[in-house]
Amino acid sequence: MGAEYSPELKRAAADALAPWAERLVRWLDDAVRIPGTKFGIGLDPLIGFVLPGAGDAITGTGSIALLFLALRERVPTVALGRMCMNIFVDTVGGLLPFVGDAFDLVWRSNKRNLEIIEQYREDPKKKPGFADYALVGVGLTLAVLSVALPIFIIYGLGLSAILGLGSLFGG
């Protein structure tokens, strides 16, 4: 026998989007407010300027969490597609160190994706279908690439530099 909840309590629980998601997006995309403006700078570009690739890895992790939240909230397939496109644009835009971090200042893919979830999460009876899971798979792949590509690029550049220096000094 399960506990019975009042319709008001069920509705209040349904209305409350996961508080962790809002905090996550605020930290990634809007953590530090520029005084006198409505503009903020998130940890993604701040960390990315100091440690190239690290901001993208953090954003990719946030993207994965938001995709799973979108599935749980039964966001429609077309909205999941838009979320995947936001992740794709963020992944491609963030590939170049420093330029990509400047791009992250304005694109804010996680903020865009949270807004999509909030806009479309109104159908509690809809069950995710194959297309939903396929789009989340695409989004997960893109998010993992946003984590892995900067690491491989930095590793590749570092290895090339080491090998290049070795050949300069007769090694």
N, C-alpha and C. Protein backbone atom coordinates (compact mmCIF):
# COMPACT_ATOMS: atom_id res chain seq x y z
N MET A 1 0.84 -1.18 0.00
CA MET A 1 0.00 0.00 0.00
C MET A 1 0.88 1.24 0.00
N GLY A 2 0.70 2.05 -1.00
CA GLY A 2 1.47 3.28 -1.10
C GLY A 2 0.77 4.42 -0.39
N ALA A 3 1.51 5.42 -0.05
CA ALA A 3 0.94 6.58 0.61
C ALA A 3 0.15 7.39 -0.41
N GLU A 4 -0.96 7.93 0.01
CA GLU A 4 -1.79 8.77 -0.85
C GLU A 4 -1.44 10.23 -0.57
N TYR A 5 -1.25 10.98 -1.64
CA TYR A 5 -0.93 12.39 -1.51
C TYR A 5 -2.07 13.22 -2.07
N SER A 6 -2.25 14.38 -1.50
CA SER A 6 -3.32 15.26 -1.96
C SER A 6 -2.98 15.78 -3.36
N PRO A 7 -3.99 16.13 -4.15
CA PRO A 7 -3.72 16.69 -5.49
C PRO A 7 -2.87 17.95 -5.42
N GLU A 8 -3.05 18.75 -4.37
CA GLU A 8 -2.25 19.98 -4.25
C GLU A 8 -0.77 19.65 -4.05
N LEU A 9 -0.50 18.63 -3.21
CA LEU A 9 0.88 18.23 -2.97
C LEU A 9 1.51 17.65 -4.23
N LYS A 10 0.74 16.85 -4.97
CA LYS A 10 1.25 16.30 -6.22
C LYS A 10 1.56 17.41 -7.21
N ARG A 11 0.67 18.40 -7.31
CA ARG A 11 0.88 19.50 -8.24
C ARG A 11 2.09 20.34 -7.85
N ALA A 12 2.25 20.59 -6.55
CA ALA A 12 3.40 21.37 -6.08
C ALA A 12 4.70 20.64 -6.42
N ALA A 13 4.71 19.32 -6.23
CA ALA A 13 5.90 18.55 -6.56
C ALA A 13 6.15 18.58 -8.06
N ALA A 14 5.09 18.52 -8.86
CA ALA A 14 5.24 18.55 -10.32
C ALA A 14 5.70 19.92 -10.80
N ASP A 15 5.25 20.98 -10.13
CA ASP A 15 5.63 22.34 -10.53
C ASP A 15 7.09 22.65 -10.24
N ALA A 16 7.64 22.04 -9.20
CA ALA A 16 9.01 22.34 -8.80
C ALA A 16 9.99 21.58 -9.69
N LEU A 17 10.70 22.32 -10.52
CA LEU A 17 11.75 21.72 -11.32
C LEU A 17 12.91 21.44 -10.38
N ALA A 18 13.65 20.41 -10.68
CA ALA A 18 14.76 20.01 -9.81
C ALA A 18 15.62 21.22 -9.43
N PRO A 19 15.66 21.58 -8.14
CA PRO A 19 16.44 22.76 -7.72
C PRO A 19 17.92 22.63 -8.07
N TRP A 20 18.45 21.41 -8.07
CA TRP A 20 19.86 21.23 -8.41
C TRP A 20 20.14 21.70 -9.83
N ALA A 21 19.16 21.53 -10.74
CA ALA A 21 19.36 21.93 -12.14
C ALA A 21 19.50 23.43 -12.26
N GLU A 22 18.66 24.16 -11.55
CA GLU A 22 18.73 25.62 -11.60
C GLU A 22 20.05 26.12 -11.00
N ARG A 23 20.49 25.50 -9.90
CA ARG A 23 21.78 25.90 -9.30
C ARG A 23 22.93 25.56 -10.25
N LEU A 24 22.89 24.38 -10.84
CA LEU A 24 23.94 23.97 -11.76
C LEU A 24 24.08 24.95 -12.92
N VAL A 25 22.96 25.28 -13.53
CA VAL A 25 22.98 26.20 -14.67
C VAL A 25 23.45 27.59 -14.24
N ARG A 26 23.00 28.04 -13.09
CA ARG A 26 23.45 29.36 -12.61
C ARG A 26 24.97 29.36 -12.43
N TRP A 27 25.54 28.32 -11.83
CA TRP A 27 26.99 28.26 -11.62
C TRP A 27 27.74 28.15 -12.94
N LEU A 28 27.23 27.36 -13.88
CA LEU A 28 27.94 27.18 -15.15
C LEU A 28 27.86 28.39 -16.07
N ASP A 29 26.70 29.04 -16.09
CA ASP A 29 26.49 30.08 -17.09
C ASP A 29 26.36 31.50 -16.54
N ASP A 30 26.24 31.67 -15.23
CA ASP A 30 25.89 32.99 -14.71
C ASP A 30 26.38 33.21 -13.27
N ALA A 31 27.50 32.63 -12.88
CA ALA A 31 27.92 32.60 -11.48
C ALA A 31 28.28 33.98 -10.92
N VAL A 32 29.00 34.77 -11.70
CA VAL A 32 29.51 36.05 -11.21
C VAL A 32 28.83 37.17 -12.01
N ARG A 33 28.07 38.00 -11.32
CA ARG A 33 27.39 39.12 -11.99
C ARG A 33 28.35 40.28 -12.19
N ILE A 34 28.25 40.89 -13.35
CA ILE A 34 29.03 42.10 -13.62
C ILE A 34 28.24 43.25 -13.01
N PRO A 35 28.86 43.98 -12.07
CA PRO A 35 28.13 45.03 -11.35
C PRO A 35 27.48 46.03 -12.30
N GLY A 36 26.23 46.37 -11.99
CA GLY A 36 25.50 47.35 -12.76
C GLY A 36 24.85 46.80 -14.02
N THR A 37 24.97 45.48 -14.25
CA THR A 37 24.37 44.88 -15.44
C THR A 37 23.56 43.65 -15.03
N LYS A 38 22.84 43.11 -15.99
CA LYS A 38 22.14 41.83 -15.78
C LYS A 38 22.98 40.68 -16.32
N PHE A 39 24.19 40.97 -16.77
CA PHE A 39 25.05 39.98 -17.39
C PHE A 39 25.94 39.32 -16.34
N GLY A 40 26.07 38.01 -16.43
CA GLY A 40 26.94 37.26 -15.54
C GLY A 40 27.90 36.39 -16.33
N ILE A 41 28.94 35.99 -15.66
CA ILE A 41 29.93 35.09 -16.25
C ILE A 41 29.92 33.82 -15.42
N GLY A 42 29.80 32.68 -16.12
CA GLY A 42 29.74 31.40 -15.44
C GLY A 42 31.10 30.76 -15.28
N LEU A 43 31.10 29.64 -14.55
CA LEU A 43 32.34 28.92 -14.33
C LEU A 43 32.91 28.32 -15.61
N ASP A 44 32.05 28.00 -16.57
CA ASP A 44 32.51 27.40 -17.83
C ASP A 44 33.57 28.28 -18.49
N PRO A 45 33.28 29.54 -18.84
CA PRO A 45 34.34 30.34 -19.47
C PRO A 45 35.45 30.74 -18.51
N LEU A 46 35.12 30.99 -17.25
CA LEU A 46 36.17 31.38 -16.29
C LEU A 46 37.21 30.29 -16.13
N ILE A 47 36.76 29.06 -15.91
CA ILE A 47 37.70 27.94 -15.76
C ILE A 47 38.39 27.67 -17.08
N GLY A 48 37.64 27.80 -18.19
CA GLY A 48 38.21 27.54 -19.51
C GLY A 48 39.34 28.49 -19.87
N PHE A 49 39.26 29.75 -19.43
CA PHE A 49 40.34 30.70 -19.70
C PHE A 49 41.61 30.30 -18.94
N VAL A 50 41.45 29.76 -17.73
CA VAL A 50 42.60 29.39 -16.91
C VAL A 50 43.13 28.01 -17.28
N LEU A 51 42.22 27.05 -17.45
CA LEU A 51 42.58 25.67 -17.81
C LEU A 51 41.83 25.29 -19.08
N PRO A 52 42.41 25.53 -20.25
CA PRO A 52 41.70 25.24 -21.50
C PRO A 52 41.17 23.80 -21.52
N GLY A 53 39.91 23.67 -21.88
CA GLY A 53 39.27 22.36 -21.94
C GLY A 53 38.50 22.00 -20.70
N ALA A 54 38.92 22.50 -19.54
CA ALA A 54 38.27 22.13 -18.28
C ALA A 54 36.85 22.68 -18.20
N GLY A 55 36.65 23.90 -18.67
CA GLY A 55 35.30 24.48 -18.67
C GLY A 55 34.36 23.69 -19.57
N ASP A 56 34.87 23.25 -20.73
CA ASP A 56 34.06 22.45 -21.64
C ASP A 56 33.69 21.11 -21.00
N ALA A 57 34.62 20.53 -20.27
CA ALA A 57 34.35 19.26 -19.60
C ALA A 57 33.25 19.43 -18.56
N ILE A 58 33.30 20.52 -17.82
CA ILE A 58 32.29 20.77 -16.80
C ILE A 58 30.93 21.02 -17.46
N THR A 59 30.91 21.80 -18.54
CA THR A 59 29.66 22.05 -19.25
C THR A 59 29.10 20.77 -19.85
N GLY A 60 29.97 19.93 -20.39
CA GLY A 60 29.52 18.65 -20.94
C GLY A 60 28.85 17.78 -19.89
N THR A 61 29.40 17.78 -18.70
CA THR A 61 28.80 17.03 -17.60
C THR A 61 27.44 17.60 -17.24
N GLY A 62 27.33 18.93 -17.22
CA GLY A 62 26.04 19.57 -16.97
C GLY A 62 25.03 19.25 -18.06
N SER A 63 25.49 19.19 -19.31
CA SER A 63 24.61 18.85 -20.43
C SER A 63 24.04 17.45 -20.27
N ILE A 64 24.87 16.51 -19.85
CA ILE A 64 24.40 15.14 -19.63
C ILE A 64 23.31 15.12 -18.56
N ALA A 65 23.55 15.82 -17.46
CA ALA A 65 22.56 15.85 -16.38
C ALA A 65 21.24 16.46 -16.85
N LEU A 66 21.30 17.52 -17.65
CA LEU A 66 20.08 18.15 -18.14
C LEU A 66 19.34 17.27 -19.14
N LEU A 67 20.06 16.48 -19.94
CA LEU A 67 19.40 15.55 -20.85
C LEU A 67 18.60 14.51 -20.08
N PHE A 68 19.19 13.98 -19.02
CA PHE A 68 18.47 13.00 -18.21
C PHE A 68 17.27 13.64 -17.52
N LEU A 69 17.42 14.88 -17.09
CA LEU A 69 16.30 15.60 -16.49
C LEU A 69 15.18 15.79 -17.52
N ALA A 70 15.56 16.11 -18.76
CA ALA A 70 14.56 16.30 -19.82
C ALA A 70 13.79 15.00 -20.08
N LEU A 71 14.48 13.88 -20.06
CA LEU A 71 13.79 12.59 -20.22
C LEU A 71 12.83 12.36 -19.07
N ARG A 72 13.29 12.61 -17.86
CA ARG A 72 12.44 12.41 -16.68
C ARG A 72 11.20 13.31 -16.72
N GLU A 73 11.38 14.52 -17.24
CA GLU A 73 10.28 15.47 -17.32
C GLU A 73 9.41 15.27 -18.56
N ARG A 74 9.77 14.25 -19.35
CA ARG A 74 9.00 13.89 -20.55
C ARG A 74 8.91 15.04 -21.56
N VAL A 75 10.05 15.66 -21.79
CA VAL A 75 10.13 16.74 -22.76
C VAL A 75 9.94 16.13 -24.16
N PRO A 76 9.16 16.77 -25.03
CA PRO A 76 8.89 16.21 -26.36
C PRO A 76 10.16 16.04 -27.20
N THR A 77 10.06 15.16 -28.17
CA THR A 77 11.19 14.82 -29.04
C THR A 77 11.78 16.05 -29.72
N VAL A 78 10.93 16.91 -30.22
CA VAL A 78 11.43 18.09 -30.93
C VAL A 78 12.24 18.99 -29.98
N ALA A 79 11.84 19.06 -28.73
CA ALA A 79 12.58 19.86 -27.76
C ALA A 79 13.91 19.19 -27.43
N LEU A 80 13.93 17.86 -27.34
CA LEU A 80 15.20 17.15 -27.13
C LEU A 80 16.15 17.41 -28.30
N GLY A 81 15.58 17.47 -29.51
CA GLY A 81 16.40 17.80 -30.68
C GLY A 81 17.02 19.18 -30.58
N ARG A 82 16.23 20.14 -30.11
CA ARG A 82 16.77 21.50 -29.91
C ARG A 82 17.87 21.49 -28.86
N MET A 83 17.67 20.71 -27.80
CA MET A 83 18.70 20.62 -26.77
C MET A 83 19.99 20.04 -27.35
N CYS A 84 19.87 19.00 -28.17
CA CYS A 84 21.05 18.40 -28.80
C CYS A 84 21.76 19.40 -29.71
N MET A 85 20.98 20.21 -30.43
CA MET A 85 21.59 21.23 -31.28
C MET A 85 22.35 22.26 -30.43
N ASN A 86 21.79 22.64 -29.28
CA ASN A 86 22.50 23.56 -28.39
C ASN A 86 23.82 22.97 -27.93
N ILE A 87 23.80 21.68 -27.59
CA ILE A 87 25.03 21.01 -27.16
C ILE A 87 26.03 20.95 -28.32
N PHE A 88 25.53 20.65 -29.52
CA PHE A 88 26.40 20.59 -30.70
C PHE A 88 27.07 21.95 -30.95
N VAL A 89 26.28 23.00 -30.94
CA VAL A 89 26.83 24.35 -31.18
C VAL A 89 27.86 24.68 -30.09
N ASP A 90 27.56 24.32 -28.84
CA ASP A 90 28.50 24.58 -27.75
C ASP A 90 29.79 23.78 -27.94
N THR A 91 29.66 22.53 -28.38
CA THR A 91 30.84 21.67 -28.58
C THR A 91 31.72 22.24 -29.70
N VAL A 92 31.12 22.57 -30.82
CA VAL A 92 31.89 23.11 -31.95
C VAL A 92 32.45 24.49 -31.61
N GLY A 93 31.61 25.34 -31.01
CA GLY A 93 32.05 26.69 -30.66
C GLY A 93 33.15 26.71 -29.61
N GLY A 94 33.19 25.68 -28.76
CA GLY A 94 34.17 25.65 -27.69
C GLY A 94 35.47 24.95 -28.02
N LEU A 95 35.64 24.50 -29.27
CA LEU A 95 36.84 23.74 -29.62
C LEU A 95 38.13 24.53 -29.54
N LEU A 96 38.09 25.80 -29.89
CA LEU A 96 39.32 26.60 -29.88
C LEU A 96 39.55 27.20 -28.50
N PRO A 97 40.71 26.95 -27.91
CA PRO A 97 40.99 27.55 -26.62
C PRO A 97 40.87 29.08 -26.68
N PHE A 98 40.40 29.66 -25.63
CA PHE A 98 40.19 31.10 -25.45
C PHE A 98 39.07 31.65 -26.34
N VAL A 99 39.11 31.41 -27.65
CA VAL A 99 38.02 31.85 -28.52
C VAL A 99 36.74 31.10 -28.13
N GLY A 100 36.89 29.81 -27.89
CA GLY A 100 35.74 29.00 -27.47
C GLY A 100 35.19 29.44 -26.12
N ASP A 101 36.07 29.86 -25.24
CA ASP A 101 35.62 30.33 -23.93
C ASP A 101 34.89 31.66 -24.05
N ALA A 102 35.35 32.51 -24.97
CA ALA A 102 34.62 33.76 -25.23
C ALA A 102 33.25 33.44 -25.82
N PHE A 103 33.19 32.43 -26.68
CA PHE A 103 31.92 31.99 -27.24
C PHE A 103 30.98 31.51 -26.13
N ASP A 104 31.53 30.78 -25.15
CA ASP A 104 30.72 30.27 -24.03
C ASP A 104 30.11 31.40 -23.21
N LEU A 105 30.74 32.57 -23.22
CA LEU A 105 30.18 33.71 -22.49
C LEU A 105 28.80 34.09 -23.01
N VAL A 106 28.60 33.94 -24.31
CA VAL A 106 27.33 34.38 -24.89
C VAL A 106 26.39 33.24 -25.25
N TRP A 107 26.88 32.04 -25.56
CA TRP A 107 26.00 30.96 -26.02
C TRP A 107 25.21 30.35 -24.87
N ARG A 108 25.83 29.96 -23.78
CA ARG A 108 25.16 29.45 -22.58
C ARG A 108 24.20 28.31 -22.88
N SER A 109 24.73 27.21 -23.39
CA SER A 109 23.89 26.10 -23.82
C SER A 109 23.07 25.49 -22.69
N ASN A 110 23.64 25.39 -21.51
CA ASN A 110 22.88 24.79 -20.40
C ASN A 110 21.71 25.67 -19.98
N LYS A 111 21.90 26.97 -20.02
CA LYS A 111 20.79 27.87 -19.69
C LYS A 111 19.69 27.73 -20.73
N ARG A 112 20.08 27.66 -22.00
CA ARG A 112 19.10 27.47 -23.07
C ARG A 112 18.35 26.14 -22.88
N ASN A 113 19.09 25.09 -22.53
CA ASN A 113 18.46 23.79 -22.38
C ASN A 113 17.54 23.72 -21.16
N LEU A 114 17.89 24.38 -20.09
CA LEU A 114 17.00 24.42 -18.93
C LEU A 114 15.72 25.17 -19.28
N GLU A 115 15.82 26.24 -20.05
CA GLU A 115 14.63 26.96 -20.48
C GLU A 115 13.73 26.08 -21.35
N ILE A 116 14.33 25.24 -22.19
CA ILE A 116 13.54 24.31 -23.01
C ILE A 116 12.81 23.32 -22.12
N ILE A 117 13.49 22.78 -21.13
CA ILE A 117 12.85 21.82 -20.21
C ILE A 117 11.68 22.49 -19.51
N GLU A 118 11.89 23.69 -19.01
CA GLU A 118 10.81 24.40 -18.30
C GLU A 118 9.63 24.67 -19.22
N GLN A 119 9.90 24.97 -20.47
CA GLN A 119 8.84 25.31 -21.41
C GLN A 119 8.00 24.08 -21.79
N TYR A 120 8.61 22.91 -21.91
CA TYR A 120 7.93 21.76 -22.48
C TYR A 120 7.58 20.64 -21.49
N ARG A 121 7.78 20.82 -20.24
CA ARG A 121 7.60 19.71 -19.30
C ARG A 121 6.17 19.55 -18.80
N GLU A 122 5.22 20.01 -19.53
CA GLU A 122 3.84 20.06 -19.07
C GLU A 122 3.00 18.81 -19.32
N ASP A 123 3.50 17.78 -20.02
CA ASP A 123 2.67 16.62 -20.35
C ASP A 123 3.08 15.42 -19.50
N PRO A 124 2.48 15.26 -18.30
CA PRO A 124 2.91 14.19 -17.40
C PRO A 124 2.54 12.79 -17.88
N LYS A 125 1.65 12.67 -18.85
CA LYS A 125 1.24 11.35 -19.32
C LYS A 125 2.09 10.84 -20.47
N LYS A 126 2.85 11.72 -21.10
CA LYS A 126 3.65 11.32 -22.24
C LYS A 126 4.81 10.45 -21.79
N LYS A 127 4.99 9.34 -22.46
CA LYS A 127 6.10 8.44 -22.18
C LYS A 127 7.18 8.64 -23.24
N PRO A 128 8.45 8.66 -22.85
CA PRO A 128 9.52 8.79 -23.85
C PRO A 128 9.49 7.60 -24.81
N GLY A 129 9.67 7.87 -26.09
CA GLY A 129 9.69 6.83 -27.10
C GLY A 129 11.09 6.60 -27.62
N PHE A 130 11.19 5.76 -28.65
CA PHE A 130 12.50 5.44 -29.22
C PHE A 130 13.22 6.69 -29.71
N ALA A 131 12.49 7.57 -30.40
CA ALA A 131 13.12 8.79 -30.92
C ALA A 131 13.68 9.65 -29.79
N ASP A 132 12.96 9.70 -28.66
CA ASP A 132 13.45 10.47 -27.51
C ASP A 132 14.78 9.90 -27.02
N TYR A 133 14.81 8.58 -26.85
CA TYR A 133 16.04 7.96 -26.36
C TYR A 133 17.18 8.10 -27.39
N ALA A 134 16.83 8.02 -28.68
CA ALA A 134 17.86 8.18 -29.72
C ALA A 134 18.44 9.59 -29.67
N LEU A 135 17.58 10.60 -29.52
CA LEU A 135 18.07 11.98 -29.45
C LEU A 135 18.90 12.21 -28.19
N VAL A 136 18.49 11.62 -27.08
CA VAL A 136 19.30 11.74 -25.87
C VAL A 136 20.64 11.05 -26.08
N GLY A 137 20.65 9.93 -26.80
CA GLY A 137 21.92 9.27 -27.14
C GLY A 137 22.83 10.17 -27.95
N VAL A 138 22.24 10.86 -28.93
CA VAL A 138 23.01 11.82 -29.73
C VAL A 138 23.54 12.93 -28.83
N GLY A 139 22.68 13.45 -27.97
CA GLY A 139 23.10 14.51 -27.05
C GLY A 139 24.19 14.05 -26.11
N LEU A 140 24.07 12.81 -25.61
CA LEU A 140 25.11 12.27 -24.73
C LEU A 140 26.43 12.15 -25.48
N THR A 141 26.36 11.69 -26.72
CA THR A 141 27.58 11.58 -27.53
C THR A 141 28.24 12.95 -27.70
N LEU A 142 27.41 13.95 -28.02
CA LEU A 142 27.96 15.31 -28.18
C LEU A 142 28.53 15.84 -26.87
N ALA A 143 27.83 15.57 -25.76
CA ALA A 143 28.32 16.04 -24.46
C ALA A 143 29.64 15.35 -24.10
N VAL A 144 29.74 14.05 -24.38
CA VAL A 144 30.99 13.33 -24.11
C VAL A 144 32.10 13.89 -25.00
N LEU A 145 31.77 14.19 -26.25
CA LEU A 145 32.77 14.81 -27.14
C LEU A 145 33.22 16.16 -26.61
N SER A 146 32.29 16.91 -26.03
CA SER A 146 32.68 18.22 -25.49
C SER A 146 33.63 18.07 -24.30
N VAL A 147 33.58 16.91 -23.65
CA VAL A 147 34.52 16.63 -22.57
C VAL A 147 35.83 16.08 -23.15
N ALA A 148 35.72 15.14 -24.10
CA ALA A 148 36.89 14.41 -24.58
C ALA A 148 37.74 15.19 -25.59
N LEU A 149 37.10 15.92 -26.51
CA LEU A 149 37.86 16.62 -27.54
C LEU A 149 38.91 17.58 -26.99
N PRO A 150 38.55 18.44 -26.05
CA PRO A 150 39.60 19.33 -25.52
C PRO A 150 40.76 18.56 -24.87
N ILE A 151 40.44 17.46 -24.22
CA ILE A 151 41.50 16.66 -23.59
C ILE A 151 42.42 16.08 -24.66
N PHE A 152 41.83 15.52 -25.72
CA PHE A 152 42.64 14.96 -26.79
C PHE A 152 43.44 16.03 -27.52
N ILE A 153 42.85 17.17 -27.74
CA ILE A 153 43.56 18.26 -28.43
C ILE A 153 44.74 18.73 -27.58
N ILE A 154 44.50 18.95 -26.30
CA ILE A 154 45.58 19.40 -25.41
C ILE A 154 46.66 18.34 -25.30
N TYR A 155 46.24 17.06 -25.16
CA TYR A 155 47.20 15.97 -25.08
C TYR A 155 48.01 15.89 -26.38
N GLY A 156 47.30 15.99 -27.53
CA GLY A 156 47.98 15.92 -28.82
C GLY A 156 48.96 17.05 -29.01
N LEU A 157 48.57 18.26 -28.63
CA LEU A 157 49.48 19.40 -28.74
C LEU A 157 50.67 19.24 -27.82
N GLY A 158 50.42 18.76 -26.63
CA GLY A 158 51.52 18.55 -25.67
C GLY A 158 52.48 17.49 -26.15
N LEU A 159 51.94 16.38 -26.67
CA LEU A 159 52.79 15.31 -27.18
C LEU A 159 53.58 15.77 -28.39
N SER A 160 52.94 16.54 -29.28
CA SER A 160 53.64 17.08 -30.45
C SER A 160 54.77 18.01 -30.03
N ALA A 161 54.50 18.83 -29.03
CA ALA A 161 55.53 19.76 -28.54
C ALA A 161 56.70 19.00 -27.95
N ILE A 162 56.43 17.95 -27.20
CA ILE A 162 57.50 17.16 -26.59
C ILE A 162 58.33 16.46 -27.67
N LEU A 163 57.63 15.86 -28.65
CA LEU A 163 58.34 15.18 -29.73
C LEU A 163 59.13 16.17 -30.57
N GLY A 164 58.56 17.35 -30.80
CA GLY A 164 59.25 18.39 -31.57
C GLY A 164 60.50 18.87 -30.85
N LEU A 165 60.41 19.06 -29.54
CA LEU A 165 61.58 19.50 -28.78
C LEU A 165 62.64 18.41 -28.75
N GLY A 166 62.20 17.16 -28.69
CA GLY A 166 63.15 16.05 -28.70
C GLY A 166 63.93 15.99 -30.00
N SER A 167 63.24 16.24 -31.10
CA SER A 167 63.95 16.20 -32.39
C SER A 167 64.87 17.41 -32.56
N LEU A 168 64.52 18.54 -31.95
CA LEU A 168 65.40 19.71 -32.01
C LEU A 168 66.73 19.47 -31.31
N PHE A 169 66.66 18.72 -30.22
CA PHE A 169 67.86 18.50 -29.41
C PHE A 169 68.50 17.14 -29.70
N GLY A 170 68.20 16.58 -30.87
CA GLY A 170 68.87 15.36 -31.30
C GLY A 170 68.36 14.11 -30.60
N GLY A 171 67.14 14.13 -30.02
CA GLY A 171 66.63 12.97 -29.29
C GLY A 171 65.82 12.05 -30.05
